[in-house]
């Protein structure tokens, strides 16, 4: 038997070569994983923006469908491209409780990317001012808001009192858009929903 022993394991050259190859693979994989993470975050932001737009528009749509109940004046009080005001009858503890005593003046407007919603307290007569109220943000990350009053044929209404339909469009900073057209309660309709 000769004196040569067979040893198991890797030589130093093989070990260094495998470490260098592992380093190259890691250097190529980490930026790819980082890019994938950024893409996922961007998609999540788009989904969240879409949910916020849809939720805010659903809120306004529900309100506009109820606007004018138990109020002698027009359902819409003001309508501008980036804001609208309307009167609803709602009890905050019981949203289904419609009554003249529960009238609220609602104003929604776009303010520096936030869709704000102000509820002003019920008063005996709308002419007395609607002075007190609370403001909340319905949605953030909104790039544009467009509201307009339409007549029954879908043409631009000459005055807010003549609007039969309200068209609202919200656009998010991510490029998503949501649009709703709501039929207002007519003055000839009954006073309950």
N, C-alpha and C. Protein backbone atom coordinates (compact mmCIF):
# COMPACT_ATOMS: atom_id res chain seq x y z
N UNK A 1 0.84 -1.15 0.00
CA UNK A 1 0.00 0.00 0.00
C UNK A 1 0.89 1.22 0.00
N UNK A 2 0.54 2.17 -0.80
CA UNK A 2 1.39 3.35 -0.85
C UNK A 2 0.96 4.31 0.24
N UNK A 3 1.77 5.32 0.46
CA UNK A 3 1.54 6.27 1.55
C UNK A 3 0.53 7.37 1.21
N UNK A 4 -0.04 7.39 0.04
CA UNK A 4 -0.97 8.45 -0.33
C UNK A 4 -2.35 8.18 0.28
N UNK A 5 -2.88 9.21 0.89
CA UNK A 5 -4.22 9.11 1.47
C UNK A 5 -5.21 9.87 0.61
N UNK A 6 -6.38 9.32 0.51
CA UNK A 6 -7.45 10.02 -0.22
C UNK A 6 -8.21 10.85 0.81
N UNK A 7 -8.27 12.15 0.53
CA UNK A 7 -9.00 13.03 1.45
C UNK A 7 -10.29 13.49 0.80
N UNK A 8 -11.35 13.61 1.57
CA UNK A 8 -12.62 14.12 1.07
C UNK A 8 -12.67 15.64 1.26
N UNK A 9 -13.57 16.29 0.57
CA UNK A 9 -13.74 17.72 0.73
C UNK A 9 -13.34 18.48 -0.51
N UNK A 10 -13.36 19.80 -0.38
CA UNK A 10 -13.06 20.68 -1.51
C UNK A 10 -11.69 21.31 -1.32
N UNK A 11 -11.08 21.60 -2.42
CA UNK A 11 -9.80 22.30 -2.36
C UNK A 11 -10.09 23.79 -2.16
N UNK A 12 -9.09 24.53 -1.81
CA UNK A 12 -9.23 25.97 -1.58
C UNK A 12 -9.68 26.68 -2.86
N UNK A 13 -9.20 26.28 -3.99
CA UNK A 13 -9.58 26.88 -5.27
C UNK A 13 -11.07 26.62 -5.54
N UNK A 14 -11.51 25.41 -5.30
CA UNK A 14 -12.92 25.08 -5.52
C UNK A 14 -13.82 25.89 -4.59
N UNK A 15 -13.41 26.04 -3.35
CA UNK A 15 -14.18 26.80 -2.37
C UNK A 15 -14.26 28.28 -2.78
N UNK A 16 -13.15 28.86 -3.18
CA UNK A 16 -13.15 30.26 -3.61
C UNK A 16 -13.98 30.45 -4.87
N UNK A 17 -13.91 29.52 -5.78
CA UNK A 17 -14.71 29.60 -7.00
C UNK A 17 -16.20 29.52 -6.69
N UNK A 18 -16.60 28.65 -5.78
CA UNK A 18 -18.02 28.54 -5.42
C UNK A 18 -18.50 29.79 -4.68
N UNK A 19 -17.66 30.39 -3.84
CA UNK A 19 -18.03 31.63 -3.16
C UNK A 19 -18.19 32.77 -4.16
N UNK A 20 -17.30 32.86 -5.13
CA UNK A 20 -17.39 33.91 -6.14
C UNK A 20 -18.66 33.73 -6.97
N UNK A 21 -18.97 32.51 -7.35
CA UNK A 21 -20.18 32.24 -8.12
C UNK A 21 -21.44 32.56 -7.31
N UNK A 22 -21.45 32.23 -6.04
CA UNK A 22 -22.58 32.55 -5.16
C UNK A 22 -22.73 34.07 -5.05
N UNK A 23 -21.64 34.78 -4.94
CA UNK A 23 -21.69 36.25 -4.87
C UNK A 23 -22.27 36.86 -6.13
N UNK A 24 -21.91 36.33 -7.28
CA UNK A 24 -22.45 36.84 -8.55
C UNK A 24 -23.96 36.57 -8.63
N UNK A 25 -24.38 35.38 -8.25
CA UNK A 25 -25.81 35.05 -8.26
C UNK A 25 -26.58 35.96 -7.31
N UNK A 26 -26.04 36.19 -6.12
CA UNK A 26 -26.70 37.08 -5.15
C UNK A 26 -26.76 38.51 -5.68
N UNK A 27 -25.68 38.97 -6.30
CA UNK A 27 -25.65 40.34 -6.85
C UNK A 27 -26.69 40.52 -7.94
N UNK A 28 -27.01 39.47 -8.68
CA UNK A 28 -28.03 39.56 -9.72
C UNK A 28 -29.44 39.36 -9.16
N UNK A 29 -29.58 38.61 -8.09
CA UNK A 29 -30.90 38.28 -7.53
C UNK A 29 -31.47 39.40 -6.66
N UNK A 30 -30.65 40.05 -5.85
CA UNK A 30 -31.14 41.06 -4.91
C UNK A 30 -31.81 42.24 -5.65
N UNK A 31 -31.21 42.82 -6.70
CA UNK A 31 -31.92 43.90 -7.39
C UNK A 31 -33.23 43.44 -8.03
N UNK A 32 -33.27 42.21 -8.50
CA UNK A 32 -34.50 41.69 -9.08
C UNK A 32 -35.58 41.57 -8.01
N UNK A 33 -35.22 41.10 -6.84
CA UNK A 33 -36.18 41.00 -5.73
C UNK A 33 -36.65 42.39 -5.31
N UNK A 34 -35.73 43.35 -5.28
CA UNK A 34 -36.09 44.72 -4.92
C UNK A 34 -37.06 45.31 -5.95
N UNK A 35 -36.81 45.08 -7.22
CA UNK A 35 -37.69 45.55 -8.27
C UNK A 35 -39.08 44.92 -8.14
N UNK A 36 -39.11 43.63 -7.85
CA UNK A 36 -40.39 42.93 -7.67
C UNK A 36 -41.16 43.52 -6.49
N UNK A 37 -40.47 43.87 -5.42
CA UNK A 37 -41.11 44.46 -4.25
C UNK A 37 -41.69 45.83 -4.60
N UNK A 38 -40.94 46.64 -5.35
CA UNK A 38 -41.43 47.95 -5.75
C UNK A 38 -42.65 47.83 -6.66
N UNK A 39 -42.65 46.86 -7.58
CA UNK A 39 -43.81 46.64 -8.44
C UNK A 39 -45.03 46.23 -7.63
N UNK A 40 -44.83 45.36 -6.66
CA UNK A 40 -45.94 44.92 -5.80
C UNK A 40 -46.49 46.11 -5.02
N UNK A 41 -45.61 46.97 -4.47
CA UNK A 41 -46.07 48.14 -3.72
C UNK A 41 -46.85 49.10 -4.62
N UNK A 42 -46.38 49.28 -5.85
CA UNK A 42 -47.07 50.15 -6.79
C UNK A 42 -48.47 49.60 -7.11
N UNK A 43 -48.57 48.30 -7.35
CA UNK A 43 -49.87 47.69 -7.63
C UNK A 43 -50.80 47.80 -6.41
N UNK A 44 -50.25 47.62 -5.24
CA UNK A 44 -51.05 47.73 -4.01
C UNK A 44 -51.56 49.16 -3.84
N UNK A 45 -50.73 50.14 -4.16
CA UNK A 45 -51.13 51.54 -4.09
C UNK A 45 -52.25 51.82 -5.09
N UNK A 46 -52.16 51.27 -6.30
CA UNK A 46 -53.22 51.44 -7.30
C UNK A 46 -54.53 50.80 -6.82
N UNK A 47 -54.44 49.61 -6.26
CA UNK A 47 -55.65 48.95 -5.75
C UNK A 47 -56.27 49.77 -4.63
N UNK A 48 -55.46 50.27 -3.73
CA UNK A 48 -55.96 51.06 -2.60
C UNK A 48 -56.59 52.37 -3.11
N UNK A 49 -55.96 52.98 -4.10
CA UNK A 49 -56.50 54.20 -4.70
C UNK A 49 -57.85 53.91 -5.33
N UNK A 50 -57.96 52.81 -6.04
CA UNK A 50 -59.23 52.43 -6.66
C UNK A 50 -60.32 52.17 -5.63
N UNK A 51 -59.96 51.51 -4.54
CA UNK A 51 -60.94 51.26 -3.46
C UNK A 51 -61.39 52.57 -2.83
N UNK A 52 -60.44 53.50 -2.62
CA UNK A 52 -60.79 54.80 -2.02
C UNK A 52 -61.71 55.59 -2.94
N UNK A 53 -61.40 55.61 -4.24
CA UNK A 53 -62.26 56.32 -5.19
C UNK A 53 -63.66 55.72 -5.22
N UNK A 54 -63.73 54.41 -5.32
CA UNK A 54 -65.04 53.74 -5.39
C UNK A 54 -65.83 53.95 -4.10
N UNK A 55 -65.17 53.87 -2.97
CA UNK A 55 -65.85 54.07 -1.68
C UNK A 55 -66.37 55.49 -1.51
N UNK A 56 -65.55 56.47 -1.87
CA UNK A 56 -65.98 57.87 -1.76
C UNK A 56 -67.13 58.16 -2.70
N UNK A 57 -67.05 57.64 -3.91
CA UNK A 57 -68.13 57.88 -4.87
C UNK A 57 -69.41 57.16 -4.45
N UNK A 58 -69.29 55.98 -3.87
CA UNK A 58 -70.48 55.27 -3.37
C UNK A 58 -71.13 56.06 -2.24
N UNK A 59 -70.33 56.66 -1.38
CA UNK A 59 -70.85 57.48 -0.28
C UNK A 59 -71.63 58.67 -0.84
N UNK A 60 -71.02 59.39 -1.79
CA UNK A 60 -71.69 60.55 -2.38
C UNK A 60 -72.95 60.13 -3.14
N UNK A 61 -72.88 59.01 -3.84
CA UNK A 61 -74.04 58.52 -4.59
C UNK A 61 -75.20 58.22 -3.65
N UNK A 62 -74.92 57.54 -2.57
CA UNK A 62 -75.98 57.23 -1.59
C UNK A 62 -76.61 58.51 -1.05
N UNK A 63 -75.76 59.48 -0.70
CA UNK A 63 -76.28 60.74 -0.19
C UNK A 63 -77.12 61.47 -1.23
N UNK A 64 -76.62 61.54 -2.45
CA UNK A 64 -77.35 62.28 -3.49
C UNK A 64 -78.69 61.62 -3.80
N UNK A 65 -78.77 60.31 -3.70
CA UNK A 65 -80.05 59.63 -3.92
C UNK A 65 -81.06 59.98 -2.83
N UNK A 66 -80.57 60.34 -1.64
CA UNK A 66 -81.45 60.70 -0.53
C UNK A 66 -81.64 62.21 -0.39
N UNK A 67 -80.91 62.98 -1.16
CA UNK A 67 -80.95 64.44 -1.03
C UNK A 67 -82.34 64.99 -1.27
N UNK A 68 -82.70 65.96 -0.45
CA UNK A 68 -83.95 66.68 -0.63
C UNK A 68 -85.14 66.17 0.15
N UNK A 69 -85.05 64.99 0.75
CA UNK A 69 -86.18 64.50 1.54
C UNK A 69 -86.42 65.42 2.72
N UNK A 70 -87.67 65.74 2.97
CA UNK A 70 -88.08 66.58 4.09
C UNK A 70 -87.47 67.97 4.03
N UNK A 71 -87.22 68.49 2.85
CA UNK A 71 -86.69 69.84 2.74
C UNK A 71 -87.46 70.55 1.64
N UNK A 72 -88.00 71.75 1.91
CA UNK A 72 -88.82 72.42 0.90
C UNK A 72 -88.02 72.97 -0.28
N UNK A 73 -86.73 73.19 -0.12
CA UNK A 73 -85.92 73.77 -1.19
C UNK A 73 -85.39 72.71 -2.13
N UNK A 74 -84.56 73.13 -3.06
CA UNK A 74 -83.96 72.16 -3.99
C UNK A 74 -83.01 71.22 -3.26
N UNK A 75 -82.85 70.02 -3.77
CA UNK A 75 -81.95 69.05 -3.14
C UNK A 75 -80.51 69.54 -3.17
N UNK A 76 -80.11 70.12 -4.29
CA UNK A 76 -78.76 70.67 -4.42
C UNK A 76 -78.78 72.13 -4.02
N UNK A 77 -77.81 72.54 -3.22
CA UNK A 77 -77.70 73.95 -2.85
C UNK A 77 -76.63 74.65 -3.67
N UNK A 78 -75.52 73.96 -3.90
CA UNK A 78 -74.43 74.51 -4.71
C UNK A 78 -73.82 73.37 -5.51
N UNK A 79 -73.37 73.70 -6.70
CA UNK A 79 -72.72 72.71 -7.55
C UNK A 79 -71.63 73.41 -8.35
N UNK A 80 -70.41 73.02 -8.11
CA UNK A 80 -69.25 73.55 -8.83
C UNK A 80 -68.44 72.35 -9.29
N UNK A 81 -67.50 72.56 -10.22
CA UNK A 81 -66.74 71.41 -10.71
C UNK A 81 -66.02 70.61 -9.60
N UNK A 82 -65.53 71.28 -8.56
CA UNK A 82 -64.80 70.56 -7.52
C UNK A 82 -65.49 70.60 -6.17
N UNK A 83 -66.79 70.86 -6.14
CA UNK A 83 -67.52 70.83 -4.87
C UNK A 83 -69.02 70.74 -5.14
N UNK A 84 -69.74 70.26 -4.14
CA UNK A 84 -71.19 70.24 -4.21
C UNK A 84 -71.75 70.27 -2.80
N UNK A 85 -72.93 70.89 -2.66
CA UNK A 85 -73.64 70.95 -1.38
C UNK A 85 -75.07 70.50 -1.61
N UNK A 86 -75.59 69.74 -0.65
CA UNK A 86 -76.95 69.22 -0.76
C UNK A 86 -77.50 69.01 0.64
N UNK A 87 -78.80 68.87 0.73
CA UNK A 87 -79.48 68.68 2.01
C UNK A 87 -80.00 67.25 2.08
N UNK A 88 -79.69 66.57 3.17
CA UNK A 88 -80.25 65.24 3.41
C UNK A 88 -80.93 65.23 4.76
N UNK A 89 -81.76 64.24 4.98
CA UNK A 89 -82.44 64.04 6.24
C UNK A 89 -81.95 62.72 6.80
N UNK A 90 -81.11 62.80 7.82
CA UNK A 90 -80.55 61.57 8.37
C UNK A 90 -80.28 61.73 9.86
N UNK A 91 -80.64 60.72 10.61
CA UNK A 91 -80.30 60.64 12.02
C UNK A 91 -79.01 59.85 12.10
N UNK A 92 -77.96 60.42 12.67
CA UNK A 92 -76.65 59.76 12.70
C UNK A 92 -76.69 58.43 13.45
N UNK A 93 -77.54 58.31 14.47
CA UNK A 93 -77.61 57.04 15.20
C UNK A 93 -78.52 56.02 14.51
N UNK A 94 -79.40 56.50 13.63
CA UNK A 94 -80.29 55.62 12.86
C UNK A 94 -80.40 56.16 11.44
N UNK A 95 -79.46 55.78 10.55
CA UNK A 95 -79.43 56.34 9.19
C UNK A 95 -80.70 56.14 8.39
N UNK A 96 -81.54 55.19 8.77
CA UNK A 96 -82.79 54.97 8.03
C UNK A 96 -83.91 55.88 8.54
N UNK A 97 -83.66 56.63 9.59
CA UNK A 97 -84.70 57.49 10.17
C UNK A 97 -84.75 58.82 9.44
N UNK A 98 -85.65 58.94 8.48
CA UNK A 98 -85.81 60.19 7.74
C UNK A 98 -86.85 61.04 8.46
N UNK A 99 -86.51 62.29 8.74
CA UNK A 99 -87.49 63.22 9.28
C UNK A 99 -86.97 64.63 9.04
N UNK A 100 -87.90 65.58 9.04
CA UNK A 100 -87.53 66.97 8.82
C UNK A 100 -86.58 67.47 9.91
N UNK A 101 -86.69 66.93 11.11
CA UNK A 101 -85.83 67.37 12.22
C UNK A 101 -84.38 66.91 12.05
N UNK A 102 -84.17 65.96 11.17
CA UNK A 102 -82.82 65.41 10.99
C UNK A 102 -82.11 65.97 9.76
N UNK A 103 -82.55 67.13 9.27
CA UNK A 103 -81.92 67.68 8.07
C UNK A 103 -80.46 68.06 8.35
N UNK A 104 -79.62 67.80 7.36
CA UNK A 104 -78.20 68.15 7.43
C UNK A 104 -77.81 68.78 6.09
N UNK A 105 -76.97 69.79 6.14
CA UNK A 105 -76.38 70.33 4.93
C UNK A 105 -75.04 69.64 4.76
N UNK A 106 -74.85 68.99 3.64
CA UNK A 106 -73.61 68.27 3.35
C UNK A 106 -72.85 69.03 2.27
N UNK A 107 -71.57 69.20 2.49
CA UNK A 107 -70.71 69.81 1.48
C UNK A 107 -69.54 68.86 1.25
N UNK A 108 -69.27 68.55 0.00
CA UNK A 108 -68.13 67.72 -0.37
C UNK A 108 -67.28 68.53 -1.34
N UNK A 109 -65.97 68.53 -1.10
CA UNK A 109 -65.08 69.31 -1.97
C UNK A 109 -63.70 68.70 -1.99
N UNK A 110 -62.96 69.06 -3.03
CA UNK A 110 -61.59 68.59 -3.19
C UNK A 110 -60.65 69.63 -2.61
N UNK A 111 -59.77 69.20 -1.70
CA UNK A 111 -58.84 70.11 -1.03
C UNK A 111 -57.46 69.46 -0.97
N UNK A 112 -56.57 69.88 -1.84
CA UNK A 112 -55.17 69.41 -1.85
C UNK A 112 -55.07 67.89 -1.88
N UNK A 113 -55.83 67.25 -2.75
CA UNK A 113 -55.76 65.80 -2.91
C UNK A 113 -56.65 65.01 -1.97
N UNK A 114 -57.36 65.69 -1.07
CA UNK A 114 -58.29 65.02 -0.16
C UNK A 114 -59.72 65.39 -0.54
N UNK A 115 -60.59 64.40 -0.58
CA UNK A 115 -62.01 64.65 -0.76
C UNK A 115 -62.59 64.82 0.63
N UNK A 116 -62.98 66.04 0.96
CA UNK A 116 -63.50 66.35 2.29
C UNK A 116 -65.02 66.38 2.26
N UNK A 117 -65.60 66.07 3.43
CA UNK A 117 -67.04 65.90 3.57
C UNK A 117 -67.43 66.57 4.87
N UNK A 118 -68.25 67.62 4.77
CA UNK A 118 -68.65 68.36 5.97
C UNK A 118 -70.14 68.19 6.20
N UNK A 119 -70.48 67.81 7.43
CA UNK A 119 -71.87 67.66 7.84
C UNK A 119 -72.18 68.84 8.75
N UNK A 120 -73.20 69.63 8.36
CA UNK A 120 -73.56 70.76 9.19
C UNK A 120 -74.88 70.49 9.88
N UNK A 121 -74.96 70.91 11.11
CA UNK A 121 -76.04 70.55 12.02
C UNK A 121 -77.42 70.96 11.52
N UNK A 122 -78.44 70.21 11.98
CA UNK A 122 -79.81 70.57 11.59
C UNK A 122 -80.23 71.87 12.27
N UNK A 123 -80.95 72.66 11.54
CA UNK A 123 -81.49 73.91 12.08
C UNK A 123 -82.96 74.00 11.71
N UNK A 124 -83.65 74.90 12.37
CA UNK A 124 -85.08 75.05 12.10
C UNK A 124 -85.34 75.47 10.67
N UNK A 125 -84.52 76.35 10.14
CA UNK A 125 -84.72 76.81 8.76
C UNK A 125 -83.36 76.89 8.06
N UNK A 126 -83.27 76.39 6.83
CA UNK A 126 -81.99 76.44 6.12
C UNK A 126 -81.45 77.85 5.96
N UNK A 127 -82.32 78.86 5.93
CA UNK A 127 -81.87 80.23 5.75
C UNK A 127 -81.10 80.76 6.96
N UNK A 128 -81.16 80.05 8.09
CA UNK A 128 -80.52 80.58 9.30
C UNK A 128 -79.02 80.31 9.36
N UNK A 129 -78.44 79.55 8.43
CA UNK A 129 -77.00 79.53 8.33
C UNK A 129 -76.22 78.24 8.35
N UNK A 130 -76.70 77.19 8.89
CA UNK A 130 -75.96 75.93 8.94
C UNK A 130 -74.54 76.14 9.48
N UNK A 131 -74.40 76.83 10.57
CA UNK A 131 -73.08 77.28 11.02
C UNK A 131 -72.19 76.19 11.60
N UNK A 132 -72.72 75.29 12.40
CA UNK A 132 -71.85 74.30 13.05
C UNK A 132 -71.78 73.02 12.23
N UNK A 133 -70.72 72.28 12.44
CA UNK A 133 -70.60 71.03 11.70
C UNK A 133 -69.26 70.36 11.92
N UNK A 134 -69.09 69.20 11.32
CA UNK A 134 -67.84 68.47 11.43
C UNK A 134 -67.36 68.10 10.02
N UNK A 135 -66.04 68.01 9.87
CA UNK A 135 -65.45 67.69 8.58
C UNK A 135 -64.64 66.41 8.70
N UNK A 136 -64.73 65.56 7.69
CA UNK A 136 -63.92 64.35 7.63
C UNK A 136 -63.39 64.17 6.21
N UNK A 137 -62.36 63.36 6.08
CA UNK A 137 -61.79 63.08 4.77
C UNK A 137 -62.39 61.76 4.28
N UNK A 138 -63.07 61.81 3.14
CA UNK A 138 -63.64 60.58 2.55
C UNK A 138 -62.58 59.76 1.83
N UNK A 139 -61.66 60.44 1.14
CA UNK A 139 -60.62 59.75 0.39
C UNK A 139 -59.44 60.68 0.19
N UNK A 140 -58.26 60.09 0.13
CA UNK A 140 -57.03 60.85 -0.14
C UNK A 140 -56.43 60.37 -1.46
N UNK A 141 -55.50 61.14 -1.97
CA UNK A 141 -54.84 60.77 -3.22
C UNK A 141 -55.71 61.01 -4.44
N UNK A 142 -56.56 62.03 -4.36
CA UNK A 142 -57.44 62.35 -5.48
C UNK A 142 -56.84 63.51 -6.25
N UNK A 143 -56.68 63.30 -7.53
CA UNK A 143 -56.08 64.31 -8.39
C UNK A 143 -57.11 65.30 -8.91
N UNK A 144 -58.31 64.82 -9.21
CA UNK A 144 -59.33 65.70 -9.79
C UNK A 144 -60.71 65.24 -9.39
N UNK A 145 -61.61 66.21 -9.29
CA UNK A 145 -63.02 65.96 -9.03
C UNK A 145 -63.79 66.82 -10.02
N UNK A 146 -64.79 66.24 -10.65
CA UNK A 146 -65.61 66.99 -11.59
C UNK A 146 -67.07 66.66 -11.33
N UNK A 147 -67.85 67.68 -10.97
CA UNK A 147 -69.27 67.49 -10.73
C UNK A 147 -70.04 68.47 -11.60
N UNK A 148 -71.15 67.99 -12.14
CA UNK A 148 -71.99 68.89 -12.93
C UNK A 148 -73.44 68.43 -12.85
N UNK A 149 -74.34 69.40 -12.95
CA UNK A 149 -75.76 69.13 -12.95
C UNK A 149 -76.27 68.97 -14.37
N UNK A 150 -77.12 67.98 -14.57
CA UNK A 150 -77.67 67.70 -15.90
C UNK A 150 -79.18 67.76 -15.84
N UNK A 151 -79.79 68.12 -16.97
CA UNK A 151 -81.25 68.06 -17.03
C UNK A 151 -81.67 66.62 -17.36
N UNK A 152 -82.94 66.38 -17.51
CA UNK A 152 -83.44 65.03 -17.76
C UNK A 152 -82.93 64.40 -19.04
N UNK A 153 -82.53 65.23 -20.01
CA UNK A 153 -82.03 64.72 -21.29
C UNK A 153 -80.52 64.50 -21.27
N UNK A 154 -79.87 64.85 -20.16
CA UNK A 154 -78.43 64.66 -20.06
C UNK A 154 -77.60 65.86 -20.48
N UNK A 155 -78.25 66.98 -20.79
CA UNK A 155 -77.53 68.21 -21.13
C UNK A 155 -77.23 69.00 -19.86
N UNK A 156 -76.25 69.87 -19.94
CA UNK A 156 -75.87 70.70 -18.79
C UNK A 156 -77.08 71.52 -18.34
N UNK A 157 -77.41 71.45 -17.04
CA UNK A 157 -78.53 72.22 -16.49
C UNK A 157 -78.11 73.68 -16.35
N UNK A 158 -78.97 74.62 -16.75
CA UNK A 158 -78.59 76.03 -16.67
C UNK A 158 -78.45 76.56 -15.24
N UNK A 159 -79.15 75.95 -14.29
CA UNK A 159 -79.07 76.38 -12.89
C UNK A 159 -79.11 75.14 -11.99
N UNK A 160 -78.54 75.29 -10.80
CA UNK A 160 -78.48 74.15 -9.88
C UNK A 160 -79.87 73.65 -9.51
N UNK A 161 -80.84 74.55 -9.43
CA UNK A 161 -82.21 74.17 -9.07
C UNK A 161 -82.86 73.33 -10.16
N UNK A 162 -82.37 73.41 -11.39
CA UNK A 162 -82.96 72.68 -12.51
C UNK A 162 -82.28 71.34 -12.77
N UNK A 163 -81.29 71.00 -11.98
CA UNK A 163 -80.58 69.73 -12.17
C UNK A 163 -81.47 68.56 -11.78
N UNK A 164 -81.57 67.60 -12.67
CA UNK A 164 -82.31 66.37 -12.41
C UNK A 164 -81.33 65.24 -12.12
N UNK A 165 -80.16 65.34 -12.75
CA UNK A 165 -79.10 64.35 -12.58
C UNK A 165 -77.83 65.07 -12.10
N UNK A 166 -77.02 64.36 -11.34
CA UNK A 166 -75.70 64.87 -10.96
C UNK A 166 -74.68 63.86 -11.43
N UNK A 167 -73.71 64.35 -12.19
CA UNK A 167 -72.61 63.51 -12.65
C UNK A 167 -71.37 63.90 -11.87
N UNK A 168 -70.76 62.92 -11.22
CA UNK A 168 -69.52 63.14 -10.46
C UNK A 168 -68.46 62.18 -10.98
N UNK A 169 -67.27 62.73 -11.20
CA UNK A 169 -66.13 61.92 -11.62
C UNK A 169 -64.97 62.22 -10.70
N UNK A 170 -64.35 61.18 -10.18
CA UNK A 170 -63.16 61.32 -9.35
C UNK A 170 -62.00 60.64 -10.06
N UNK A 171 -60.84 61.27 -10.05
CA UNK A 171 -59.63 60.70 -10.65
C UNK A 171 -58.55 60.64 -9.59
N UNK A 172 -57.93 59.48 -9.46
CA UNK A 172 -56.85 59.30 -8.49
C UNK A 172 -55.51 59.67 -9.09
N UNK A 173 -54.52 59.86 -8.23
CA UNK A 173 -53.18 60.22 -8.70
C UNK A 173 -52.56 59.07 -9.50
N UNK A 174 -53.06 57.87 -9.32
CA UNK A 174 -52.53 56.72 -10.05
C UNK A 174 -53.14 56.60 -11.45
N UNK A 175 -54.02 57.53 -11.82
CA UNK A 175 -54.62 57.50 -13.15
C UNK A 175 -55.98 56.82 -13.20
N UNK A 176 -56.42 56.23 -12.11
CA UNK A 176 -57.72 55.56 -12.10
C UNK A 176 -58.83 56.61 -12.03
N UNK A 177 -59.98 56.27 -12.62
CA UNK A 177 -61.14 57.15 -12.63
C UNK A 177 -62.39 56.37 -12.22
N UNK A 178 -63.25 57.04 -11.48
CA UNK A 178 -64.56 56.49 -11.12
C UNK A 178 -65.59 57.55 -11.45
N UNK A 179 -66.72 57.12 -12.01
CA UNK A 179 -67.77 58.05 -12.42
C UNK A 179 -69.13 57.52 -12.01
N UNK A 180 -70.00 58.42 -11.58
CA UNK A 180 -71.37 58.04 -11.24
C UNK A 180 -72.32 59.13 -11.71
N UNK A 181 -73.48 58.72 -12.16
CA UNK A 181 -74.56 59.64 -12.50
C UNK A 181 -75.73 59.27 -11.60
N UNK A 182 -76.23 60.26 -10.86
CA UNK A 182 -77.26 60.01 -9.86
C UNK A 182 -78.49 60.84 -10.19
N UNK A 183 -79.67 60.20 -10.15
CA UNK A 183 -80.92 60.91 -10.33
C UNK A 183 -81.35 61.47 -8.98
N UNK A 184 -81.63 62.76 -8.98
CA UNK A 184 -82.07 63.43 -7.75
C UNK A 184 -83.56 63.23 -7.56
N UNK A 185 -83.99 63.32 -6.31
CA UNK A 185 -85.40 63.27 -5.99
C UNK A 185 -86.04 64.53 -6.53
N UNK A 186 -87.14 64.40 -7.22
CA UNK A 186 -87.80 65.57 -7.79
C UNK A 186 -88.69 66.22 -6.76
N UNK A 187 -88.97 67.50 -6.96
CA UNK A 187 -89.84 68.25 -6.03
C UNK A 187 -91.25 67.67 -6.03
N UNK A 188 -91.65 67.03 -7.12
CA UNK A 188 -93.00 66.47 -7.22
C UNK A 188 -93.14 65.15 -6.44
N UNK A 189 -92.01 64.54 -6.10
CA UNK A 189 -92.05 63.26 -5.39
C UNK A 189 -92.52 63.46 -3.96
N UNK A 190 -92.90 62.39 -3.33
CA UNK A 190 -93.35 62.45 -1.95
C UNK A 190 -92.22 62.81 -1.01
N UNK A 191 -92.54 63.05 0.26
CA UNK A 191 -91.53 63.49 1.20
C UNK A 191 -90.85 62.36 1.93
N UNK A 192 -91.17 61.13 1.61
CA UNK A 192 -90.46 60.02 2.26
C UNK A 192 -89.79 59.17 1.20
N UNK A 193 -88.69 58.52 1.57
CA UNK A 193 -87.92 57.73 0.60
C UNK A 193 -88.66 56.52 0.09
